[in-house]
Amino acid sequence: MLNHFPQLRLTINTLVAAVGPITNIVLISLMFMFFYAIVGVQMFEGAFYNCMDTDFHDVRHPNITDNSSCLAQNFIWKERTFNFDNLLQALLSLFVMYSKDGWVNIMYDGIDAVGPDIQPITQFNPWRALYFILFMITCVLLLDMFIGTLVDTWFLKVHQERELQRQKQKKRRRVATRRRRVTDPAEDRLQSRYFLYFEWFVRAVVAINLLVMAFDHYGQPKYLEDLMRSASTSSQACS
């Protein structure tokens, strides 16, 4: 079926050929994810908590500075959905950022984070944004590597397909030329030789007939006239 759809065959061949390079890129991506996850746990472990009211809205009040003061006001001390409390949670948060979905909110949570069991403070440490920005730059580079691998593999397969078609065309031309130049078999050579001999024989008979006719003249003897008539009859029979 793929032979009838060359573009589909080329796409499938490209994906199959790109499995190896893409696997390497996935391994590199996982390595960077683990690195950033470990750093994130060291920086934000237990810091992505916030005081909320019963409607789960953030509460920012000067008297609420930590977990104890939040609970004393009958509020809820709740962690963010995406946090860095452990390695798995950090990997999940980074994966969400890798998908470019809500990474800005996670970055601002990191900027506002103060420490474990401490109420976040708006713009507490803006320099922490570098961690998230560097991670996003790494994601863009890895994504470019992924796309570049597919594109390079695609062009490589296109070049190979064209080269294969070119080699097939050259082979067809060589076979056609060889067929034109090939010598006849022994039987054909023998038959051609017989035809050649027969052709020369016919030419000789025609030449003799012309020569006999050239001797025809007025007042020729009876025996010469009979001889010429016999020779002419024989020549016509052979012709």
C-alpha atoms as a PDB file:
ATOM      1  CA  MET A   1       0.000   0.000   0.000  1.00  0.00           C
ATOM      2  CA  LEU A   2       2.832   2.385   0.830  1.00  0.00           C
ATOM      3  CA  ASN A   3       4.196   2.025  -2.696  1.00  0.00           C
ATOM      4  CA  HIS A   4       1.097   3.842  -3.961  1.00  0.00           C
ATOM      5  CA  PHE A   5       1.613   6.727  -1.506  1.00  0.00           C
ATOM      6  CA  PRO A   6       5.264   7.860  -1.764  1.00  0.00           C
ATOM      7  CA  GLN A   7       4.794  10.829   0.591  1.00  0.00           C
ATOM      8  CA  LEU A   8       3.295   8.590   3.281  1.00  0.00           C
ATOM      9  CA  ARG A   9       6.132   6.098   2.802  1.00  0.00           C
ATOM     10  CA  LEU A  10       8.657   8.924   3.116  1.00  0.00           C
ATOM     11  CA  THR A  11       7.013  10.186   6.316  1.00  0.00           C
ATOM     12  CA  ILE A  12       7.000   6.735   7.916  1.00  0.00           C
ATOM     13  CA  ASN A  13      10.611   6.114   6.897  1.00  0.00           C
ATOM     14  CA  THR A  14      11.550   9.487   8.380  1.00  0.00           C
ATOM     15  CA  LEU A  15       9.889   8.693  11.709  1.00  0.00           C
ATOM     16  CA  VAL A  16      11.496   5.254  11.849  1.00  0.00           C
ATOM     17  CA  ALA A  17      14.929   6.655  11.010  1.00  0.00           C
ATOM     18  CA  ALA A  18      14.515   9.433  13.601  1.00  0.00           C
ATOM     19  CA  VAL A  19      13.744   7.043  16.476  1.00  0.00           C
ATOM     20  CA  GLY A  20      17.406   6.783  17.479  1.00  0.00           C
ATOM     21  CA  PRO A  21      18.204  10.529  17.489  1.00  0.00           C
ATOM     22  CA  ILE A  22      14.871  11.357  19.147  1.00  0.00           C
ATOM     23  CA  THR A  23      15.588   8.807  21.886  1.00  0.00           C
ATOM     24  CA  ASN A  24      18.875  10.573  22.581  1.00  0.00           C
ATOM     25  CA  ILE A  25      17.082  13.925  22.782  1.00  0.00           C
ATOM     26  CA  VAL A  26      14.500  12.456  25.182  1.00  0.00           C
ATOM     27  CA  LEU A  27      17.288  11.146  27.415  1.00  0.00           C
ATOM     28  CA  ILE A  28      19.000  14.542  27.363  1.00  0.00           C
ATOM     29  CA  SER A  29      15.673  16.215  28.211  1.00  0.00           C
ATOM     30  CA  LEU A  30      15.133  13.857  31.162  1.00  0.00           C
ATOM     31  CA  MET A  31      18.647  14.580  32.394  1.00  0.00           C
ATOM     32  CA  PHE A  32      17.984  18.332  32.369  1.00  0.00           C
ATOM     33  CA  MET A  33      14.575  17.798  33.986  1.00  0.00           C
ATOM     34  CA  PHE A  34      16.164  15.869  36.854  1.00  0.00           C
ATOM     35  CA  PHE A  35      18.843  18.537  37.255  1.00  0.00           C
ATOM     36  CA  TYR A  36      16.337  21.396  37.418  1.00  0.00           C
ATOM     37  CA  ALA A  37      14.028  19.342  39.667  1.00  0.00           C
ATOM     38  CA  ILE A  38      16.805  18.740  42.198  1.00  0.00           C
ATOM     39  CA  VAL A  39      17.734  22.435  42.168  1.00  0.00           C
ATOM     40  CA  GLY A  40      14.047  23.382  42.510  1.00  0.00           C
ATOM     41  CA  VAL A  41      13.597  21.141  45.554  1.00  0.00           C
ATOM     42  CA  GLN A  42      16.652  22.741  47.180  1.00  0.00           C
ATOM     43  CA  MET A  43      15.297  26.242  46.509  1.00  0.00           C
ATOM     44  CA  PHE A  44      11.540  25.879  47.131  1.00  0.00           C
ATOM     45  CA  GLU A  45      11.011  22.849  49.370  1.00  0.00           C
ATOM     46  CA  GLY A  46       7.988  23.584  51.591  1.00  0.00           C
ATOM     47  CA  ALA A  47       7.792  27.185  50.340  1.00  0.00           C
ATOM     48  CA  PHE A  48       4.874  26.852  47.936  1.00  0.00           C
ATOM     49  CA  TYR A  49       2.222  27.164  50.662  1.00  0.00           C
ATOM     50  CA  ASN A  50      -0.252  29.971  51.085  1.00  0.00           C
ATOM     51  CA  CYS A  51      -2.945  31.081  53.478  1.00  0.00           C
ATOM     52  CA  MET A  52      -6.438  30.801  51.973  1.00  0.00           C
ATOM     53  CA  ASP A  53      -9.969  31.482  53.092  1.00  0.00           C
ATOM     54  CA  THR A  54     -12.792  28.971  52.991  1.00  0.00           C
ATOM     55  CA  ASP A  55     -13.437  29.855  49.341  1.00  0.00           C
ATOM     56  CA  PHE A  56      -9.787  29.033  48.538  1.00  0.00           C
ATOM     57  CA  HIS A  57      -8.873  32.618  47.765  1.00  0.00           C
ATOM     58  CA  ASP A  58      -5.438  33.899  48.739  1.00  0.00           C
ATOM     59  CA  VAL A  59      -5.327  35.837  51.976  1.00  0.00           C
ATOM     60  CA  ARG A  60      -2.697  38.538  52.259  1.00  0.00           C
ATOM     61  CA  HIS A  61      -2.806  40.284  55.635  1.00  0.00           C
ATOM     62  CA  PRO A  62       0.025  41.869  57.642  1.00  0.00           C
ATOM     63  CA  ASN A  63      -0.922  39.847  60.717  1.00  0.00           C
ATOM     64  CA  ILE A  64      -0.644  36.560  58.838  1.00  0.00           C
ATOM     65  CA  THR A  65       3.035  35.746  58.426  1.00  0.00           C
ATOM     66  CA  ASP A  66       3.240  31.983  58.787  1.00  0.00           C
ATOM     67  CA  ASN A  67       1.356  28.722  59.171  1.00  0.00           C
ATOM     68  CA  SER A  68       0.454  29.253  62.821  1.00  0.00           C
ATOM     69  CA  SER A  69      -0.963  32.755  62.384  1.00  0.00           C
ATOM     70  CA  CYS A  70      -2.979  31.564  59.374  1.00  0.00           C
ATOM     71  CA  LEU A  71      -4.583  28.706  61.300  1.00  0.00           C
ATOM     72  CA  ALA A  72      -5.167  30.991  64.289  1.00  0.00           C
ATOM     73  CA  GLN A  73      -7.384  33.172  62.096  1.00  0.00           C
ATOM     74  CA  ASN A  74      -9.402  30.080  61.097  1.00  0.00           C
ATOM     75  CA  PHE A  75      -8.009  30.147  57.580  1.00  0.00           C
ATOM     76  CA  ILE A  76      -6.568  27.259  55.572  1.00  0.00           C
ATOM     77  CA  TRP A  77      -2.859  26.684  55.095  1.00  0.00           C
ATOM     78  CA  LYS A  78      -2.727  25.022  51.679  1.00  0.00           C
ATOM     79  CA  GLU A  79       0.005  24.119  49.253  1.00  0.00           C
ATOM     80  CA  ARG A  80      -0.011  25.056  45.596  1.00  0.00           C
ATOM     81  CA  THR A  81      -1.078  22.426  43.073  1.00  0.00           C
ATOM     82  CA  PHE A  82       2.340  22.595  41.431  1.00  0.00           C
ATOM     83  CA  ASN A  83       5.150  22.762  43.959  1.00  0.00           C
ATOM     84  CA  PHE A  84       8.677  21.572  44.670  1.00  0.00           C
ATOM     85  CA  ASP A  85       8.165  19.699  47.949  1.00  0.00           C
ATOM     86  CA  ASN A  86       9.820  16.539  46.586  1.00  0.00           C
ATOM     87  CA  LEU A  87      11.431  15.259  43.421  1.00  0.00           C
ATOM     88  CA  LEU A  88       8.226  13.856  41.901  1.00  0.00           C
ATOM     89  CA  GLN A  89       6.283  17.064  42.547  1.00  0.00           C
ATOM     90  CA  ALA A  90       9.165  19.074  41.111  1.00  0.00           C
ATOM     91  CA  LEU A  91       9.252  16.916  37.968  1.00  0.00           C
ATOM     92  CA  LEU A  92       5.484  17.344  37.564  1.00  0.00           C
ATOM     93  CA  SER A  93       5.764  21.121  37.927  1.00  0.00           C
ATOM     94  CA  LEU A  94       8.628  21.273  35.444  1.00  0.00           C
ATOM     95  CA  PHE A  95       6.720  19.094  33.000  1.00  0.00           C
ATOM     96  CA  VAL A  96       3.804  21.543  33.153  1.00  0.00           C
ATOM     97  CA  MET A  97       6.245  24.379  32.524  1.00  0.00           C
ATOM     98  CA  TYR A  98       7.802  22.393  29.663  1.00  0.00           C
ATOM     99  CA  SER A  99       4.378  22.304  27.996  1.00  0.00           C
ATOM    100  CA  LYS A 100       4.278  26.138  28.254  1.00  0.00           C
ATOM    101  CA  ASP A 101       1.025  25.850  30.231  1.00  0.00           C
ATOM    102  CA  GLY A 102       0.843  28.223  33.204  1.00  0.00           C
ATOM    103  CA  TRP A 103       4.592  28.462  33.702  1.00  0.00           C
ATOM    104  CA  VAL A 104       4.325  32.193  34.486  1.00  0.00           C
ATOM    105  CA  ASN A 105       2.076  31.500  37.495  1.00  0.00           C
ATOM    106  CA  ILE A 106       4.560  28.936  38.817  1.00  0.00           C
ATOM    107  CA  MET A 107       7.373  31.452  38.331  1.00  0.00           C
ATOM    108  CA  TYR A 108       5.534  34.136  40.343  1.00  0.00           C
ATOM    109  CA  ASP A 109       4.832  31.602  43.094  1.00  0.00           C
ATOM    110  CA  GLY A 110       8.571  30.973  43.230  1.00  0.00           C
ATOM    111  CA  ILE A 111       9.344  34.707  43.331  1.00  0.00           C
ATOM    112  CA  ASP A 112       6.878  35.263  46.188  1.00  0.00           C
ATOM    113  CA  ALA A 113       8.002  32.197  48.179  1.00  0.00           C
ATOM    114  CA  VAL A 114       9.857  33.017  51.411  1.00  0.00           C
ATOM    115  CA  GLY A 115      10.472  29.660  53.064  1.00  0.00           C
ATOM    116  CA  PRO A 116       8.834  26.605  54.666  1.00  0.00           C
ATOM    117  CA  ASP A 117       5.675  27.422  56.655  1.00  0.00           C
ATOM    118  CA  ILE A 118       6.096  31.139  55.952  1.00  0.00           C
ATOM    119  CA  GLN A 119       3.445  33.250  54.232  1.00  0.00           C
ATOM    120  CA  PRO A 120       4.539  34.334  50.729  1.00  0.00           C
ATOM    121  CA  ILE A 121       5.445  37.974  50.160  1.00  0.00           C
ATOM    122  CA  THR A 122       4.802  39.603  46.797  1.00  0.00           C
ATOM    123  CA  GLN A 123       8.020  40.026  44.794  1.00  0.00           C
ATOM    124  CA  PHE A 124      10.066  38.690  47.714  1.00  0.00           C
ATOM    125  CA  ASN A 125      13.010  37.591  45.538  1.00  0.00           C
ATOM    126  CA  PRO A 126      12.761  38.612  41.844  1.00  0.00           C
ATOM    127  CA  TRP A 127      16.142  37.016  41.111  1.00  0.00           C
ATOM    128  CA  ARG A 128      14.546  33.600  41.412  1.00  0.00           C
ATOM    129  CA  ALA A 129      12.929  34.278  38.051  1.00  0.00           C
ATOM    130  CA  LEU A 130      16.299  33.405  36.507  1.00  0.00           C
ATOM    131  CA  TYR A 131      15.777  29.767  37.509  1.00  0.00           C
ATOM    132  CA  PHE A 132      12.488  29.568  35.623  1.00  0.00           C
ATOM    133  CA  ILE A 133      13.694  31.618  32.648  1.00  0.00           C
ATOM    134  CA  LEU A 134      16.794  29.441  32.242  1.00  0.00           C
ATOM    135  CA  PHE A 135      14.609  26.350  32.381  1.00  0.00           C
ATOM    136  CA  MET A 136      12.311  27.727  29.665  1.00  0.00           C
ATOM    137  CA  ILE A 137      15.315  28.598  27.483  1.00  0.00           C
ATOM    138  CA  THR A 138      16.546  25.023  27.931  1.00  0.00           C
ATOM    139  CA  CYS A 139      13.097  23.755  26.909  1.00  0.00           C
ATOM    140  CA  VAL A 140      13.150  25.883  23.757  1.00  0.00           C
ATOM    141  CA  LEU A 141      16.609  24.587  22.822  1.00  0.00           C
ATOM    142  CA  LEU A 142      15.567  20.977  23.399  1.00  0.00           C
ATOM    143  CA  LEU A 143      12.424  21.504  21.338  1.00  0.00           C
ATOM    144  CA  ASP A 144      14.524  23.022  18.548  1.00  0.00           C
ATOM    145  CA  MET A 145      16.797  19.971  18.687  1.00  0.00           C
ATOM    146  CA  PHE A 146      13.755  17.705  18.402  1.00  0.00           C
ATOM    147  CA  ILE A 147      12.326  19.586  15.423  1.00  0.00           C
ATOM    148  CA  GLY A 148      15.765  19.928  13.825  1.00  0.00           C
ATOM    149  CA  THR A 149      16.304  16.180  14.083  1.00  0.00           C
ATOM    150  CA  LEU A 150      13.027  15.482  12.292  1.00  0.00           C
ATOM    151  CA  VAL A 151      13.753  18.064   9.590  1.00  0.00           C
ATOM    152  CA  ASP A 152      17.320  16.815   9.029  1.00  0.00           C
ATOM    153  CA  THR A 153      16.122  13.218   8.873  1.00  0.00           C
ATOM    154  CA  TRP A 154      13.381  14.237   6.431  1.00  0.00           C
ATOM    155  CA  PHE A 155      15.819  15.957   4.063  1.00  0.00           C
ATOM    156  CA  LEU A 156      18.233  13.029   4.392  1.00  0.00           C
ATOM    157  CA  LYS A 157      15.505  10.587   3.399  1.00  0.00           C
ATOM    158  CA  VAL A 158      14.435  12.821   0.505  1.00  0.00           C
ATOM    159  CA  HIS A 159      18.042  12.936  -0.707  1.00  0.00           C
ATOM    160  CA  GLN A 160      18.355   9.161  -0.370  1.00  0.00           C
ATOM    161  CA  GLU A 161      15.089   8.615  -2.261  1.00  0.00           C
ATOM    162  CA  ARG A 162      16.234  10.905  -5.075  1.00  0.00           C
ATOM    163  CA  GLU A 163      19.637   9.234  -5.199  1.00  0.00           C
ATOM    164  CA  LEU A 164      17.967   5.817  -5.291  1.00  0.00           C
ATOM    165  CA  GLN A 165      15.726   6.893  -8.163  1.00  0.00           C
ATOM    166  CA  ARG A 166      18.756   8.347  -9.964  1.00  0.00           C
ATOM    167  CA  GLN A 167      20.668   5.078  -9.557  1.00  0.00           C
ATOM    168  CA  LYS A 168      17.660   3.114 -10.841  1.00  0.00           C
ATOM    169  CA  GLN A 169      17.435   5.358 -13.900  1.00  0.00           C
ATOM    170  CA  LYS A 170      21.160   4.942 -14.574  1.00  0.00           C
ATOM    171  CA  LYS A 171      20.811   1.185 -14.234  1.00  0.00           C
ATOM    172  CA  ARG A 172      17.887   1.143 -16.653  1.00  0.00           C
ATOM    173  CA  ARG A 173      19.881   3.190 -19.171  1.00  0.00           C
ATOM    174  CA  ARG A 174      22.890   0.879 -18.826  1.00  0.00           C
ATOM    175  CA  VAL A 175      20.707  -2.195 -19.322  1.00  0.00           C
ATOM    176  CA  ALA A 176      19.047  -0.631 -22.366  1.00  0.00           C
ATOM    177  CA  THR A 177      22.441   0.293 -23.845  1.00  0.00           C
ATOM    178  CA  ARG A 178      23.793  -3.181 -23.128  1.00  0.00           C
ATOM    179  CA  ARG A 179      20.813  -4.753 -24.854  1.00  0.00           C
ATOM    180  CA  ARG A 180      21.417  -2.639 -27.924  1.00  0.00           C
ATOM    181  CA  ARG A 181      25.092  -3.539 -27.981  1.00  0.00           C
ATOM    182  CA  VAL A 182      24.765  -7.221 -27.141  1.00  0.00           C
ATOM    183  CA  THR A 183      26.025  -9.648 -29.810  1.00  0.00           C
ATOM    184  CA  ASP A 184      23.752 -12.206 -31.428  1.00  0.00           C
ATOM    185  CA  PRO A 185      23.812 -15.833 -30.268  1.00  0.00           C
ATOM    186  CA  ALA A 186      25.668 -18.507 -32.279  1.00  0.00           C
ATOM    187  CA  GLU A 187      22.505 -19.535 -34.121  1.00  0.00           C
ATOM    188  CA  ASP A 188      21.779 -15.969 -35.092  1.00  0.00           C
ATOM    189  CA  ARG A 189      25.360 -15.461 -36.256  1.00  0.00           C
ATOM    190  CA  LEU A 190      25.158 -18.609 -38.420  1.00  0.00           C
ATOM    191  CA  GLN A 191      21.832 -17.510 -39.867  1.00  0.00           C
ATOM    192  CA  SER A 192      23.225 -14.065 -40.595  1.00  0.00           C
ATOM    193  CA  ARG A 193      26.182 -15.668 -42.338  1.00  0.00           C
ATOM    194  CA  TYR A 194      23.849 -17.723 -44.558  1.00  0.00           C
ATOM    195  CA  PHE A 195      21.867 -14.631 -45.399  1.00  0.00           C
ATOM    196  CA  LEU A 196      25.080 -12.836 -46.274  1.00  0.00           C
ATOM    197  CA  TYR A 197      26.207 -15.697 -48.573  1.00  0.00           C
ATOM    198  CA  PHE A 198      22.795 -15.835 -50.206  1.00  0.00           C
ATOM    199  CA  GLU A 199      22.855 -12.091 -50.766  1.00  0.00           C
ATOM    200  CA  TRP A 200      26.259 -12.313 -52.484  1.00  0.00           C
ATOM    201  CA  PHE A 201      25.031 -15.249 -54.550  1.00  0.00           C
ATOM    202  CA  VAL A 202      22.035 -13.267 -55.770  1.00  0.00           C
ATOM    203  CA  ARG A 203      24.281 -10.350 -56.612  1.00  0.00           C
ATOM    204  CA  ALA A 204      26.591 -12.657 -58.570  1.00  0.00           C
ATOM    205  CA  VAL A 205      23.668 -14.116 -60.516  1.00  0.00           C
ATOM    206  CA  VAL A 206      22.390 -10.630 -61.341  1.00  0.00           C
ATOM    207  CA  ALA A 207      25.869  -9.580 -62.438  1.00  0.00           C
ATOM    208  CA  ILE A 208      26.222 -12.669 -64.677  1.00  0.00           C
ATOM    209  CA  ASN A 209      22.803 -11.980 -66.145  1.00  0.00           C
ATOM    210  CA  LEU A 210      23.837  -8.428 -66.952  1.00  0.00           C
ATOM    211  CA  LEU A 211      27.084  -9.685 -68.436  1.00  0.00           C
ATOM    212  CA  VAL A 212      25.248 -12.196 -70.640  1.00  0.00           C
ATOM    213  CA  MET A 213      22.873  -9.493 -71.757  1.00  0.00           C
ATOM    214  CA  ALA A 214      25.859  -7.334 -72.626  1.00  0.00           C
ATOM    215  CA  PHE A 215      27.031  -9.961 -75.163  1.00  0.00           C
ATOM    216  CA  ASP A 216      23.758  -9.792 -77.029  1.00  0.00           C
ATOM    217  CA  HIS A 217      24.317  -8.378 -80.519  1.00  0.00           C
ATOM    218  CA  TYR A 218      22.813  -8.390 -83.948  1.00  0.00           C
ATOM    219  CA  GLY A 219      23.809 -11.258 -86.206  1.00  0.00           C
ATOM    220  CA  GLN A 220      25.086 -13.426 -83.340  1.00  0.00           C
ATOM    221  CA  PRO A 221      25.509 -17.168 -83.963  1.00  0.00           C
ATOM    222  CA  LYS A 222      22.737 -19.634 -83.187  1.00  0.00           C
ATOM    223  CA  TYR A 223      24.708 -21.413 -80.446  1.00  0.00           C
ATOM    224  CA  LEU A 224      25.467 -18.084 -78.710  1.00  0.00           C
ATOM    225  CA  GLU A 225      21.816 -17.126 -78.861  1.00  0.00           C
ATOM    226  CA  ASP A 226      20.834 -20.494 -77.283  1.00  0.00           C
ATOM    227  CA  LEU A 227      23.519 -20.084 -74.609  1.00  0.00           C
ATOM    228  CA  MET A 228      22.382 -16.582 -73.720  1.00  0.00           C
ATOM    229  CA  ARG A 229      18.756 -17.717 -73.556  1.00  0.00           C
ATOM    230  CA  SER A 230      19.666 -20.548 -71.166  1.00  0.00           C
ATOM    231  CA  ALA A 231      21.778 -18.247 -69.013  1.00  0.00           C
ATOM    232  CA  SER A 232      18.993 -15.659 -68.837  1.00  0.00           C
ATOM    233  CA  THR A 233      16.451 -18.317 -67.859  1.00  0.00           C
ATOM    234  CA  SER A 234      18.753 -19.647 -65.127  1.00  0.00           C
ATOM    235  CA  SER A 235      19.380 -16.144 -63.807  1.00  0.00           C
ATOM    236  CA  GLN A 236      15.670 -15.358 -63.654  1.00  0.00           C
ATOM    237  CA  ALA A 237      15.012 -18.629 -61.856  1.00  0.00           C
ATOM    238  CA  CYS A 238      17.677 -17.862 -59.236  1.00  0.00           C
ATOM    239  CA  SER A 239      16.463 -14.314 -58.813  1.00  0.00           C
END
